Amino acid sequence: MKKGFGIILVLSMLWALAACSSEGSSSEGNESASKEDGKVYELQLGHTGAPDHHYQTISEKFAKEVEEKTDGKVKISIFPSDQLGNQMESVEGVMAGTQDMVLTSDTVLSNWVPDMGILNLPFIFQDSDHVRTALDGEVGEDLASLVEPHGAKVIGWWENGFRHVTNSKKEIKTPEDLDGLKIRVPEGEVFIKSFKTLGASPTPISFGELYSALQLGTVDAQENPPAHILTQKFYEVQDYVSRTGHIHLSSPLLINQAKLESLPEEYQTAILETAKEMGTEHTNLVNELEETQWKEVEEKGMKITDVDKAPFQEAVKPVYDHYKETLNADIIEKIQGL
């Protein structure tokens, strides 16, 4: 009797194991099918611009095109105004994998990849065409490759534009007019070095805190393209703007490497191709917008001054002498030679 019971027990256990194995195979099959039939991948993309800034416009277009190319299987939600965290936090989050994507700046990335600061050297770019030639070519590839060891990937070089100085004190026409001026700069070493060389007193302040800093007099000046002057309402606390075009700021689109690689290959391709296409489109959008933005800046009551750039270019030559020793001189010369 005991022997018969033992046989029954063994058979029952074998039956249970077979059932579990069958269930596991079925589950794996369903999971595989779901990747092809119906699974939707949701990503979040953050940026620092206001909801009416061109960052939002181009990000929404990017999301729409990716969704169309993947038949609705990849959906990208856009979060403006640092809703997912300020720029430093968001970049760190994307590198660590706690955030999917961020449209950031080359300046912010220079805190992890110092050579990224090359793109912020004063007057290194002549115009937007020069920028696109560099970033869509070997220079962009070289710099993007330096980000990947940090767990993130630059999938597109988008646009911010050339920067111009605004302040609440006086009209700025020459480098000497910057002497002692308290000016906010982004969290990037090249910005600090450049404005110290010009005689100003630069202070790094996060973009989200900039309006308050200007309003309270923590700093007297800031420098940004006209889109930010308008969307952040800097004209309410600044009276003068000098069109210096001293530094260009690109906007690299960053995605967590592991997150990208977790997607089906065809979806990865759709994201990569669309992100690259948006670079030129974003530059064209910014250039078109600036034609009317400068008129609006003037209508808001700011005094616009066009400066002779030659004295400023002469004044920042020591910045190049310094960074050709500390950053990749080959990349600097590649950009200058284009």
C-alpha atoms as a PDB file:
ATOM      1  CA  MET A   1       0.000   0.000   0.000  1.00  0.00           C
ATOM      2  CA  LYS A   2       2.770   2.391   0.958  1.00  0.00           C
ATOM      3  CA  LYS A   3       4.627   1.480  -2.242  1.00  0.00           C
ATOM      4  CA  GLY A   4       1.539   2.231  -4.347  1.00  0.00           C
ATOM      5  CA  PHE A   5       1.045   5.559  -2.589  1.00  0.00           C
ATOM      6  CA  GLY A   6       4.678   6.509  -3.300  1.00  0.00           C
ATOM      7  CA  ILE A   7       4.254   5.804  -6.992  1.00  0.00           C
ATOM      8  CA  ILE A   8       1.131   7.944  -7.123  1.00  0.00           C
ATOM      9  CA  LEU A   9       2.956  10.764  -5.294  1.00  0.00           C
ATOM     10  CA  VAL A  10       5.892  10.665  -7.732  1.00  0.00           C
ATOM     11  CA  LEU A  11       3.558  10.670 -10.738  1.00  0.00           C
ATOM     12  CA  SER A  12       1.650  13.638  -9.283  1.00  0.00           C
ATOM     13  CA  MET A  13       4.884  15.610  -8.854  1.00  0.00           C
ATOM     14  CA  LEU A  14       5.984  14.839 -12.410  1.00  0.00           C
ATOM     15  CA  TRP A  15       2.603  15.950 -13.714  1.00  0.00           C
ATOM     16  CA  ALA A  16       2.830  19.232 -11.765  1.00  0.00           C
ATOM     17  CA  LEU A  17       6.331  19.936 -13.103  1.00  0.00           C
ATOM     18  CA  ALA A  18       5.198  19.278 -16.664  1.00  0.00           C
ATOM     19  CA  ALA A  19       2.237  21.620 -16.196  1.00  0.00           C
ATOM     20  CA  CYS A  20       4.495  24.382 -14.873  1.00  0.00           C
ATOM     21  CA  SER A  21       6.908  23.907 -17.773  1.00  0.00           C
ATOM     22  CA  SER A  22       4.034  24.063 -20.254  1.00  0.00           C
ATOM     23  CA  GLU A  23       2.676  27.204 -18.593  1.00  0.00           C
ATOM     24  CA  GLY A  24       6.092  28.847 -18.686  1.00  0.00           C
ATOM     25  CA  SER A  25       6.506  28.134 -22.399  1.00  0.00           C
ATOM     26  CA  SER A  26       3.063  29.527 -23.101  1.00  0.00           C
ATOM     27  CA  SER A  27       3.849  32.688 -21.136  1.00  0.00           C
ATOM     28  CA  GLU A  28       7.110  33.213 -23.045  1.00  0.00           C
ATOM     29  CA  GLY A  29       5.273  32.732 -26.322  1.00  0.00           C
ATOM     30  CA  ASN A  30       2.683  35.338 -25.367  1.00  0.00           C
ATOM     31  CA  GLU A  31       5.381  37.790 -24.339  1.00  0.00           C
ATOM     32  CA  SER A  32       7.148  37.336 -27.676  1.00  0.00           C
ATOM     33  CA  ALA A  33       3.908  37.868 -29.536  1.00  0.00           C
ATOM     34  CA  SER A  34       3.120  40.999 -27.549  1.00  0.00           C
ATOM     35  CA  LYS A  35       6.350  42.612 -28.811  1.00  0.00           C
ATOM     36  CA  GLU A  36       5.138  42.209 -32.340  1.00  0.00           C
ATOM     37  CA  ASP A  37       1.442  42.620 -31.788  1.00  0.00           C
ATOM     38  CA  GLY A  38       0.334  45.443 -29.689  1.00  0.00           C
ATOM     39  CA  LYS A  39       2.948  46.283 -27.104  1.00  0.00           C
ATOM     40  CA  VAL A  40       3.318  50.061 -26.778  1.00  0.00           C
ATOM     41  CA  TYR A  41       6.627  51.538 -25.577  1.00  0.00           C
ATOM     42  CA  GLU A  42       6.262  54.802 -23.683  1.00  0.00           C
ATOM     43  CA  LEU A  43       9.147  57.242 -23.254  1.00  0.00           C
ATOM     44  CA  GLN A  44       9.420  60.579 -21.455  1.00  0.00           C
ATOM     45  CA  LEU A  45      11.405  63.524 -22.838  1.00  0.00           C
ATOM     46  CA  GLY A  46      12.160  66.565 -20.677  1.00  0.00           C
ATOM     47  CA  HIS A  47      13.525  70.001 -21.578  1.00  0.00           C
ATOM     48  CA  THR A  48      14.083  73.372 -19.932  1.00  0.00           C
ATOM     49  CA  GLY A  49      12.115  75.559 -22.367  1.00  0.00           C
ATOM     50  CA  ALA A  50       8.711  77.074 -21.657  1.00  0.00           C
ATOM     51  CA  PRO A  51       5.623  75.474 -23.266  1.00  0.00           C
ATOM     52  CA  ASP A  52       5.694  78.155 -25.989  1.00  0.00           C
ATOM     53  CA  HIS A  53       9.435  77.762 -26.679  1.00  0.00           C
ATOM     54  CA  HIS A  54      10.687  76.162 -29.892  1.00  0.00           C
ATOM     55  CA  TYR A  55      12.059  73.266 -27.803  1.00  0.00           C
ATOM     56  CA  GLN A  56       8.463  72.219 -27.257  1.00  0.00           C
ATOM     57  CA  THR A  57       7.579  72.691 -30.936  1.00  0.00           C
ATOM     58  CA  ILE A  58      10.411  70.515 -32.239  1.00  0.00           C
ATOM     59  CA  SER A  59      10.004  67.914 -29.466  1.00  0.00           C
ATOM     60  CA  GLU A  60       6.321  67.481 -30.282  1.00  0.00           C
ATOM     61  CA  LYS A  61       7.120  67.103 -33.966  1.00  0.00           C
ATOM     62  CA  PHE A  62       9.783  64.506 -33.152  1.00  0.00           C
ATOM     63  CA  ALA A  63       7.335  62.553 -30.988  1.00  0.00           C
ATOM     64  CA  LYS A  64       4.635  62.674 -33.660  1.00  0.00           C
ATOM     65  CA  GLU A  65       6.928  61.422 -36.416  1.00  0.00           C
ATOM     66  CA  VAL A  66       8.335  58.600 -34.275  1.00  0.00           C
ATOM     67  CA  GLU A  67       4.803  57.506 -33.399  1.00  0.00           C
ATOM     68  CA  GLU A  68       3.816  57.526 -37.079  1.00  0.00           C
ATOM     69  CA  LYS A  69       6.926  55.589 -38.157  1.00  0.00           C
ATOM     70  CA  THR A  70       6.289  52.914 -35.513  1.00  0.00           C
ATOM     71  CA  ASP A  71       2.535  52.652 -36.197  1.00  0.00           C
ATOM     72  CA  GLY A  72       1.778  54.038 -32.754  1.00  0.00           C
ATOM     73  CA  LYS A  73       3.990  51.543 -30.908  1.00  0.00           C
ATOM     74  CA  VAL A  74       6.427  54.169 -29.558  1.00  0.00           C
ATOM     75  CA  LYS A  75       4.836  57.092 -27.744  1.00  0.00           C
ATOM     76  CA  ILE A  76       6.987  59.950 -26.427  1.00  0.00           C
ATOM     77  CA  SER A  77       5.514  62.325 -23.834  1.00  0.00           C
ATOM     78  CA  ILE A  78       7.063  65.811 -23.630  1.00  0.00           C
ATOM     79  CA  PHE A  79       7.678  67.625 -20.340  1.00  0.00           C
ATOM     80  CA  PRO A  80       8.728  71.314 -20.669  1.00  0.00           C
ATOM     81  CA  SER A  81       9.941  73.791 -18.035  1.00  0.00           C
ATOM     82  CA  ASP A  82      12.227  71.349 -16.188  1.00  0.00           C
ATOM     83  CA  GLN A  83       9.235  69.318 -14.974  1.00  0.00           C
ATOM     84  CA  LEU A  84      11.396  66.196 -14.802  1.00  0.00           C
ATOM     85  CA  GLY A  85      14.217  68.066 -13.038  1.00  0.00           C
ATOM     86  CA  ASN A  86      16.692  70.817 -13.878  1.00  0.00           C
ATOM     87  CA  GLN A  87      19.216  70.226 -16.634  1.00  0.00           C
ATOM     88  CA  MET A  88      21.972  68.799 -14.445  1.00  0.00           C
ATOM     89  CA  GLU A  89      19.538  66.453 -12.700  1.00  0.00           C
ATOM     90  CA  SER A  90      17.934  65.345 -15.960  1.00  0.00           C
ATOM     91  CA  VAL A  91      21.229  64.585 -17.705  1.00  0.00           C
ATOM     92  CA  GLU A  92      22.391  62.641 -14.669  1.00  0.00           C
ATOM     93  CA  GLY A  93      19.055  60.796 -14.651  1.00  0.00           C
ATOM     94  CA  VAL A  94      19.362  59.817 -18.309  1.00  0.00           C
ATOM     95  CA  MET A  95      22.897  58.574 -17.739  1.00  0.00           C
ATOM     96  CA  ALA A  96      21.781  56.545 -14.719  1.00  0.00           C
ATOM     97  CA  GLY A  97      18.629  55.245 -16.395  1.00  0.00           C
ATOM     98  CA  THR A  98      16.101  56.907 -14.077  1.00  0.00           C
ATOM     99  CA  GLN A  99      14.997  59.201 -16.924  1.00  0.00           C
ATOM    100  CA  ASP A 100      14.481  58.230 -20.569  1.00  0.00           C
ATOM    101  CA  MET A 101      15.389  61.304 -22.604  1.00  0.00           C
ATOM    102  CA  VAL A 102      16.386  64.947 -22.221  1.00  0.00           C
ATOM    103  CA  LEU A 103      16.930  67.790 -24.651  1.00  0.00           C
ATOM    104  CA  THR A 104      19.865  69.452 -22.962  1.00  0.00           C
ATOM    105  CA  SER A 105      22.821  71.666 -23.872  1.00  0.00           C
ATOM    106  CA  ASP A 106      26.424  71.046 -24.812  1.00  0.00           C
ATOM    107  CA  THR A 107      27.348  73.236 -21.824  1.00  0.00           C
ATOM    108  CA  VAL A 108      25.628  70.944 -19.341  1.00  0.00           C
ATOM    109  CA  LEU A 109      27.244  67.877 -20.939  1.00  0.00           C
ATOM    110  CA  SER A 110      30.662  69.498 -20.556  1.00  0.00           C
ATOM    111  CA  ASN A 111      30.415  68.756 -16.827  1.00  0.00           C
ATOM    112  CA  TRP A 112      30.837  65.055 -17.722  1.00  0.00           C
ATOM    113  CA  VAL A 113      32.620  65.432 -21.057  1.00  0.00           C
ATOM    114  CA  PRO A 114      34.950  68.461 -20.850  1.00  0.00           C
ATOM    115  CA  ASP A 115      35.642  68.485 -24.611  1.00  0.00           C
ATOM    116  CA  MET A 116      31.965  69.290 -25.167  1.00  0.00           C
ATOM    117  CA  GLY A 117      32.912  72.789 -23.979  1.00  0.00           C
ATOM    118  CA  ILE A 118      34.756  73.287 -27.265  1.00  0.00           C
ATOM    119  CA  LEU A 119      31.383  74.045 -28.859  1.00  0.00           C
ATOM    120  CA  ASN A 120      31.003  76.990 -26.459  1.00  0.00           C
ATOM    121  CA  LEU A 121      34.269  78.709 -27.291  1.00  0.00           C
ATOM    122  CA  PRO A 122      33.458  82.345 -28.095  1.00  0.00           C
ATOM    123  CA  PHE A 123      33.037  83.109 -31.788  1.00  0.00           C
ATOM    124  CA  ILE A 124      34.196  79.630 -32.872  1.00  0.00           C
ATOM    125  CA  PHE A 125      31.200  79.423 -35.233  1.00  0.00           C
ATOM    126  CA  GLN A 126      30.577  81.978 -37.953  1.00  0.00           C
ATOM    127  CA  ASP A 127      26.915  81.162 -38.572  1.00  0.00           C
ATOM    128  CA  SER A 128      24.290  78.407 -38.449  1.00  0.00           C
ATOM    129  CA  ASP A 129      25.620  76.708 -41.596  1.00  0.00           C
ATOM    130  CA  HIS A 130      29.031  76.416 -39.938  1.00  0.00           C
ATOM    131  CA  VAL A 131      27.366  74.834 -36.894  1.00  0.00           C
ATOM    132  CA  ARG A 132      25.467  72.264 -38.933  1.00  0.00           C
ATOM    133  CA  THR A 133      28.517  71.324 -41.001  1.00  0.00           C
ATOM    134  CA  ALA A 134      30.451  70.613 -37.806  1.00  0.00           C
ATOM    135  CA  LEU A 135      27.793  68.780 -35.821  1.00  0.00           C
ATOM    136  CA  ASP A 136      26.399  66.731 -38.708  1.00  0.00           C
ATOM    137  CA  GLY A 137      29.908  65.582 -39.585  1.00  0.00           C
ATOM    138  CA  GLU A 138      33.034  64.222 -37.945  1.00  0.00           C
ATOM    139  CA  VAL A 139      33.094  66.765 -35.105  1.00  0.00           C
ATOM    140  CA  GLY A 140      29.598  65.795 -33.971  1.00  0.00           C
ATOM    141  CA  GLU A 141      30.438  62.087 -34.182  1.00  0.00           C
ATOM    142  CA  ASP A 142      33.651  62.521 -32.184  1.00  0.00           C
ATOM    143  CA  LEU A 143      31.951  64.444 -29.399  1.00  0.00           C
ATOM    144  CA  ALA A 144      28.901  62.160 -29.262  1.00  0.00           C
ATOM    145  CA  SER A 145      31.135  59.108 -28.830  1.00  0.00           C
ATOM    146  CA  LEU A 146      32.565  60.624 -25.629  1.00  0.00           C
ATOM    147  CA  VAL A 147      29.122  60.570 -23.991  1.00  0.00           C
ATOM    148  CA  GLU A 148      28.428  56.850 -24.469  1.00  0.00           C
ATOM    149  CA  PRO A 149      30.717  55.576 -21.658  1.00  0.00           C
ATOM    150  CA  HIS A 150      28.406  57.479 -19.287  1.00  0.00           C
ATOM    151  CA  GLY A 151      25.414  55.315 -20.213  1.00  0.00           C
ATOM    152  CA  ALA A 152      23.711  57.778 -22.565  1.00  0.00           C
ATOM    153  CA  LYS A 153      23.699  58.403 -26.297  1.00  0.00           C
ATOM    154  CA  VAL A 154      23.487  61.668 -28.265  1.00  0.00           C
ATOM    155  CA  ILE A 155      20.943  60.877 -30.982  1.00  0.00           C
ATOM    156  CA  GLY A 156      20.531  64.357 -32.425  1.00  0.00           C
ATOM    157  CA  TRP A 157      22.206  67.749 -32.438  1.00  0.00           C
ATOM    158  CA  TRP A 158      19.316  70.183 -32.132  1.00  0.00           C
ATOM    159  CA  GLU A 159      19.361  73.959 -31.898  1.00  0.00           C
ATOM    160  CA  ASN A 160      19.355  76.756 -29.353  1.00  0.00           C
ATOM    161  CA  GLY A 161      21.014  79.553 -31.293  1.00  0.00           C
ATOM    162  CA  PHE A 162      23.580  82.277 -30.819  1.00  0.00           C
ATOM    163  CA  ARG A 163      23.584  84.104 -27.508  1.00  0.00           C
ATOM    164  CA  HIS A 164      23.348  87.821 -26.807  1.00  0.00           C
ATOM    165  CA  VAL A 165      23.930  89.867 -23.657  1.00  0.00           C
ATOM    166  CA  THR A 166      21.071  91.598 -21.843  1.00  0.00           C
ATOM    167  CA  ASN A 167      21.358  93.723 -18.712  1.00  0.00           C
ATOM    168  CA  SER A 168      19.549  96.213 -16.491  1.00  0.00           C
ATOM    169  CA  LYS A 169      22.354  98.771 -16.113  1.00  0.00           C
ATOM    170  CA  LYS A 170      23.620 100.261 -19.373  1.00  0.00           C
ATOM    171  CA  GLU A 171      24.075  99.896 -23.113  1.00  0.00           C
ATOM    172  CA  ILE A 172      26.955  97.551 -23.932  1.00  0.00           C
ATOM    173  CA  LYS A 173      28.907  98.402 -27.091  1.00  0.00           C
ATOM    174  CA  THR A 174      32.475  97.309 -26.327  1.00  0.00           C
ATOM    175  CA  PRO A 175      34.215  94.691 -24.167  1.00  0.00           C
ATOM    176  CA  GLU A 176      35.111  97.450 -21.716  1.00  0.00           C
ATOM    177  CA  ASP A 177      31.395  97.972 -21.034  1.00  0.00           C
ATOM    178  CA  LEU A 178      31.292  94.492 -19.489  1.00  0.00           C
ATOM    179  CA  ASP A 179      33.880  95.384 -16.843  1.00  0.00           C
ATOM    180  CA  GLY A 180      32.588  94.357 -13.403  1.00  0.00           C
ATOM    181  CA  LEU A 181      29.105  93.478 -14.682  1.00  0.00           C
ATOM    182  CA  LYS A 182      27.461  90.700 -12.658  1.00  0.00           C
ATOM    183  CA  ILE A 183      26.265  88.276 -15.319  1.00  0.00           C
ATOM    184  CA  ARG A 184      24.562  84.912 -15.010  1.00  0.00           C
ATOM    185  CA  VAL A 185      26.100  82.117 -17.067  1.00  0.00           C
ATOM    186  CA  PRO A 186      25.163  78.420 -17.439  1.00  0.00           C
ATOM    187  CA  GLU A 187      26.969  75.741 -15.443  1.00  0.00           C
ATOM    188  CA  GLY A 188      29.906  75.448 -17.850  1.00  0.00           C
ATOM    189  CA  GLU A 189      33.582  76.243 -17.328  1.00  0.00           C
ATOM    190  CA  VAL A 190      34.080  77.806 -20.781  1.00  0.00           C
ATOM    191  CA  PHE A 191      31.367  80.391 -20.104  1.00  0.00           C
ATOM    192  CA  ILE A 192      32.976  81.390 -16.814  1.00  0.00           C
ATOM    193  CA  LYS A 193      36.445  81.639 -18.349  1.00  0.00           C
ATOM    194  CA  SER A 194      35.191  83.631 -21.344  1.00  0.00           C
ATOM    195  CA  PHE A 195      33.352  86.280 -19.341  1.00  0.00           C
ATOM    196  CA  LYS A 196      36.126  86.618 -16.798  1.00  0.00           C
ATOM    197  CA  THR A 197      38.482  87.256 -19.713  1.00  0.00           C
ATOM    198  CA  LEU A 198      36.084  89.962 -20.929  1.00  0.00           C
ATOM    199  CA  GLY A 199      36.228  91.619 -17.490  1.00  0.00           C
ATOM    200  CA  ALA A 200      32.749  90.646 -16.283  1.00  0.00           C
ATOM    201  CA  SER A 201      31.835  88.878 -13.042  1.00  0.00           C
ATOM    202  CA  PRO A 202      30.146  85.608 -14.127  1.00  0.00           C
ATOM    203  CA  THR A 203      27.921  83.601 -11.772  1.00  0.00           C
ATOM    204  CA  PRO A 204      26.541  80.142 -12.666  1.00  0.00           C
ATOM    205  CA  ILE A 205      22.801  79.964 -11.922  1.00  0.00           C
ATOM    206  CA  SER A 206      20.365  77.297 -13.114  1.00  0.00           C
ATOM    207  CA  PHE A 207      18.046  78.455 -15.877  1.00  0.00           C
ATOM    208  CA  GLY A 208      14.918  77.888 -13.799  1.00  0.00           C
ATOM    209  CA  GLU A 209      16.174  80.329 -11.164  1.00  0.00           C
ATOM    210  CA  LEU A 210      17.392  82.988 -13.579  1.00  0.00           C
ATOM    211  CA  TYR A 211      14.339  85.265 -13.685  1.00  0.00           C
ATOM    212  CA  SER A 212      14.279  85.545  -9.892  1.00  0.00           C
ATOM    213  CA  ALA A 213      18.020  86.236  -9.808  1.00  0.00           C
ATOM    214  CA  LEU A 214      17.562  89.114 -12.267  1.00  0.00           C
ATOM    215  CA  GLN A 215      14.508  90.427 -10.453  1.00  0.00           C
ATOM    216  CA  LEU A 216      16.239  90.389  -7.056  1.00  0.00           C
ATOM    217  CA  GLY A 217      19.461  91.900  -8.398  1.00  0.00           C
ATOM    218  CA  THR A 218      21.562  88.836  -7.582  1.00  0.00           C
ATOM    219  CA  VAL A 219      22.941  89.407 -11.077  1.00  0.00           C
ATOM    220  CA  ASP A 220      22.536  92.392 -13.400  1.00  0.00           C
ATOM    221  CA  ALA A 221      22.819  90.594 -16.716  1.00  0.00           C
ATOM    222  CA  GLN A 222      22.360  87.336 -18.575  1.00  0.00           C
ATOM    223  CA  GLU A 223      22.981  86.036 -22.097  1.00  0.00           C
ATOM    224  CA  ASN A 224      20.599  83.991 -24.210  1.00  0.00           C
ATOM    225  CA  PRO A 225      18.987  83.842 -27.661  1.00  0.00           C
ATOM    226  CA  PRO A 226      15.870  85.979 -28.274  1.00  0.00           C
ATOM    227  CA  ALA A 227      13.507  83.019 -27.802  1.00  0.00           C
ATOM    228  CA  HIS A 228      14.434  82.787 -24.125  1.00  0.00           C
ATOM    229  CA  ILE A 229      14.300  86.561 -23.688  1.00  0.00           C
ATOM    230  CA  LEU A 230      10.670  86.419 -24.777  1.00  0.00           C
ATOM    231  CA  THR A 231       9.367  83.133 -23.370  1.00  0.00           C
ATOM    232  CA  GLN A 232      11.004  83.735 -19.966  1.00  0.00           C
ATOM    233  CA  LYS A 233       9.913  87.409 -19.976  1.00  0.00           C
ATOM    234  CA  PHE A 234      13.420  88.675 -19.256  1.00  0.00           C
ATOM    235  CA  TYR A 235      12.335  91.958 -20.870  1.00  0.00           C
ATOM    236  CA  GLU A 236      10.410  92.648 -17.651  1.00  0.00           C
ATOM    237  CA  VAL A 237      13.645  92.842 -15.654  1.00  0.00           C
ATOM    238  CA  GLN A 238      16.197  93.811 -18.345  1.00  0.00           C
ATOM    239  CA  ASP A 239      16.372  97.056 -20.332  1.00  0.00           C
ATOM    240  CA  TYR A 240      19.237  96.541 -22.771  1.00  0.00           C
ATOM    241  CA  VAL A 241      20.237  93.831 -25.226  1.00  0.00           C
ATOM    242  CA  SER A 242      23.459  93.776 -27.225  1.00  0.00           C
ATOM    243  CA  ARG A 243      23.509  91.483 -30.245  1.00  0.00           C
ATOM    244  CA  THR A 244      26.946  90.039 -29.606  1.00  0.00           C
ATOM    245  CA  GLY A 245      26.357  86.507 -30.919  1.00  0.00           C
ATOM    246  CA  HIS A 246      29.344  85.618 -28.773  1.00  0.00           C
ATOM    247  CA  ILE A 247      28.635  81.928 -28.127  1.00  0.00           C
ATOM    248  CA  HIS A 248      26.534  79.324 -29.887  1.00  0.00           C
ATOM    249  CA  LEU A 249      24.703  76.739 -27.814  1.00  0.00           C
ATOM    250  CA  SER A 250      23.685  73.478 -29.413  1.00  0.00           C
ATOM    251  CA  SER A 251      20.994  71.252 -27.909  1.00  0.00           C
ATOM    252  CA  PRO A 252      21.971  67.581 -27.944  1.00  0.00           C
ATOM    253  CA  LEU A 253      19.083  65.144 -27.595  1.00  0.00           C
ATOM    254  CA  LEU A 254      20.109  62.462 -25.121  1.00  0.00           C
ATOM    255  CA  ILE A 255      18.600  59.003 -24.517  1.00  0.00           C
ATOM    256  CA  ASN A 256      19.539  56.330 -22.010  1.00  0.00           C
ATOM    257  CA  GLN A 257      21.565  53.736 -23.888  1.00  0.00           C
ATOM    258  CA  ALA A 258      19.990  50.709 -22.194  1.00  0.00           C
ATOM    259  CA  LYS A 259      16.493  52.061 -22.750  1.00  0.00           C
ATOM    260  CA  LEU A 260      17.177  52.544 -26.450  1.00  0.00           C
ATOM    261  CA  GLU A 261      18.632  49.057 -26.820  1.00  0.00           C
ATOM    262  CA  SER A 262      15.644  47.519 -25.020  1.00  0.00           C
ATOM    263  CA  LEU A 263      13.375  48.532 -27.912  1.00  0.00           C
ATOM    264  CA  PRO A 264      12.858  46.384 -31.013  1.00  0.00           C
ATOM    265  CA  GLU A 265      15.529  47.186 -33.584  1.00  0.00           C
ATOM    266  CA  GLU A 266      13.126  48.753 -36.091  1.00  0.00           C
ATOM    267  CA  TYR A 267      11.891  51.142 -33.403  1.00  0.00           C
ATOM    268  CA  GLN A 268      15.454  52.079 -32.483  1.00  0.00           C
ATOM    269  CA  THR A 269      16.067  52.912 -36.142  1.00  0.00           C
ATOM    270  CA  ALA A 270      12.937  55.082 -36.290  1.00  0.00           C
ATOM    271  CA  ILE A 271      14.054  57.061 -33.237  1.00  0.00           C
ATOM    272  CA  LEU A 272      17.652  57.499 -34.441  1.00  0.00           C
ATOM    273  CA  GLU A 273      16.716  58.552 -37.975  1.00  0.00           C
ATOM    274  CA  THR A 274      14.040  60.998 -36.837  1.00  0.00           C
ATOM    275  CA  ALA A 275      16.248  62.567 -34.153  1.00  0.00           C
ATOM    276  CA  LYS A 276      18.953  63.245 -36.736  1.00  0.00           C
ATOM    277  CA  GLU A 277      16.473  64.674 -39.261  1.00  0.00           C
ATOM    278  CA  MET A 278      15.138  67.089 -36.648  1.00  0.00           C
ATOM    279  CA  GLY A 279      18.565  68.754 -36.277  1.00  0.00           C
ATOM    280  CA  THR A 280      18.484  70.679 -39.563  1.00  0.00           C
ATOM    281  CA  GLU A 281      14.757  71.243 -39.187  1.00  0.00           C
ATOM    282  CA  HIS A 282      15.250  72.766 -35.751  1.00  0.00           C
ATOM    283  CA  THR A 283      17.991  75.087 -36.991  1.00  0.00           C
ATOM    284  CA  ASN A 284      15.751  76.302 -39.822  1.00  0.00           C
ATOM    285  CA  LEU A 285      12.886  76.814 -37.373  1.00  0.00           C
ATOM    286  CA  VAL A 286      15.036  78.879 -34.993  1.00  0.00           C
ATOM    287  CA  ASN A 287      16.379  81.074 -37.814  1.00  0.00           C
ATOM    288  CA  GLU A 288      12.869  81.749 -39.117  1.00  0.00           C
ATOM    289  CA  LEU A 289      11.534  82.555 -35.643  1.00  0.00           C
ATOM    290  CA  GLU A 290      14.349  84.966 -34.816  1.00  0.00           C
ATOM    291  CA  GLU A 291      13.387  87.259 -37.688  1.00  0.00           C
ATOM    292  CA  THR A 292      10.171  88.153 -35.880  1.00  0.00           C
ATOM    293  CA  GLN A 293      11.417  87.619 -32.317  1.00  0.00           C
ATOM    294  CA  TRP A 294      13.839  90.531 -32.488  1.00  0.00           C
ATOM    295  CA  LYS A 295      10.992  92.812 -33.541  1.00  0.00           C
ATOM    296  CA  GLU A 296       8.969  91.609 -30.582  1.00  0.00           C
ATOM    297  CA  VAL A 297      11.899  92.174 -28.200  1.00  0.00           C
ATOM    298  CA  GLU A 298      12.048  95.779 -29.369  1.00  0.00           C
ATOM    299  CA  GLU A 299       8.276  96.151 -29.022  1.00  0.00           C
ATOM    300  CA  LYS A 300       8.597  94.981 -25.412  1.00  0.00           C
ATOM    301  CA  GLY A 301      10.707  98.092 -24.734  1.00  0.00           C
ATOM    302  CA  MET A 302      14.259  96.750 -24.771  1.00  0.00           C
ATOM    303  CA  LYS A 303      16.962  98.878 -26.406  1.00  0.00           C
ATOM    304  CA  ILE A 304      18.780  96.775 -29.027  1.00  0.00           C
ATOM    305  CA  THR A 305      22.422  97.497 -29.832  1.00  0.00           C
ATOM    306  CA  ASP A 306      24.369  95.882 -32.680  1.00  0.00           C
ATOM    307  CA  VAL A 307      28.022  95.668 -31.701  1.00  0.00           C
ATOM    308  CA  ASP A 308      31.238  95.511 -33.684  1.00  0.00           C
ATOM    309  CA  LYS A 309      32.323  91.938 -32.928  1.00  0.00           C
ATOM    310  CA  ALA A 310      36.000  92.432 -33.833  1.00  0.00           C
ATOM    311  CA  PRO A 311      37.048  93.939 -30.455  1.00  0.00           C
ATOM    312  CA  PHE A 312      35.240  91.152 -28.600  1.00  0.00           C
ATOM    313  CA  GLN A 313      36.929  88.504 -30.757  1.00  0.00           C
ATOM    314  CA  GLU A 314      40.299  90.086 -30.058  1.00  0.00           C
ATOM    315  CA  ALA A 315      39.598  90.229 -26.310  1.00  0.00           C
ATOM    316  CA  VAL A 316      38.851  86.490 -26.025  1.00  0.00           C
ATOM    317  CA  LYS A 317      41.994  85.219 -27.771  1.00  0.00           C
ATOM    318  CA  PRO A 318      43.520  84.210 -24.402  1.00  0.00           C
ATOM    319  CA  VAL A 319      40.552  81.841 -23.947  1.00  0.00           C
ATOM    320  CA  TYR A 320      41.709  79.891 -27.029  1.00  0.00           C
ATOM    321  CA  ASP A 321      45.294  79.851 -25.817  1.00  0.00           C
ATOM    322  CA  HIS A 322      44.107  78.293 -22.567  1.00  0.00           C
ATOM    323  CA  TYR A 323      41.737  75.683 -23.998  1.00  0.00           C
ATOM    324  CA  LYS A 324      44.042  74.508 -26.764  1.00  0.00           C
ATOM    325  CA  GLU A 325      46.214  73.320 -23.868  1.00  0.00           C
ATOM    326  CA  THR A 326      43.430  71.745 -21.783  1.00  0.00           C
ATOM    327  CA  LEU A 327      40.871  70.522 -24.365  1.00  0.00           C
ATOM    328  CA  ASN A 328      41.220  68.611 -27.636  1.00  0.00           C
ATOM    329  CA  ALA A 329      43.093  71.040 -29.896  1.00  0.00           C
ATOM    330  CA  ASP A 330      42.453  68.824 -32.954  1.00  0.00           C
ATOM    331  CA  ILE A 331      38.669  69.260 -32.625  1.00  0.00           C
ATOM    332  CA  ILE A 332      39.065  73.020 -32.148  1.00  0.00           C
ATOM    333  CA  GLU A 333      41.149  73.236 -35.321  1.00  0.00           C
ATOM    334  CA  LYS A 334      38.708  71.018 -37.243  1.00  0.00           C
ATOM    335  CA  ILE A 335      35.873  73.413 -36.465  1.00  0.00           C
ATOM    336  CA  GLN A 336      37.931  76.469 -37.334  1.00  0.00           C
ATOM    337  CA  GLY A 337      39.043  74.864 -40.592  1.00  0.00           C
ATOM    338  CA  LEU A 338      35.596  73.943 -41.880  1.00  0.00           C
END
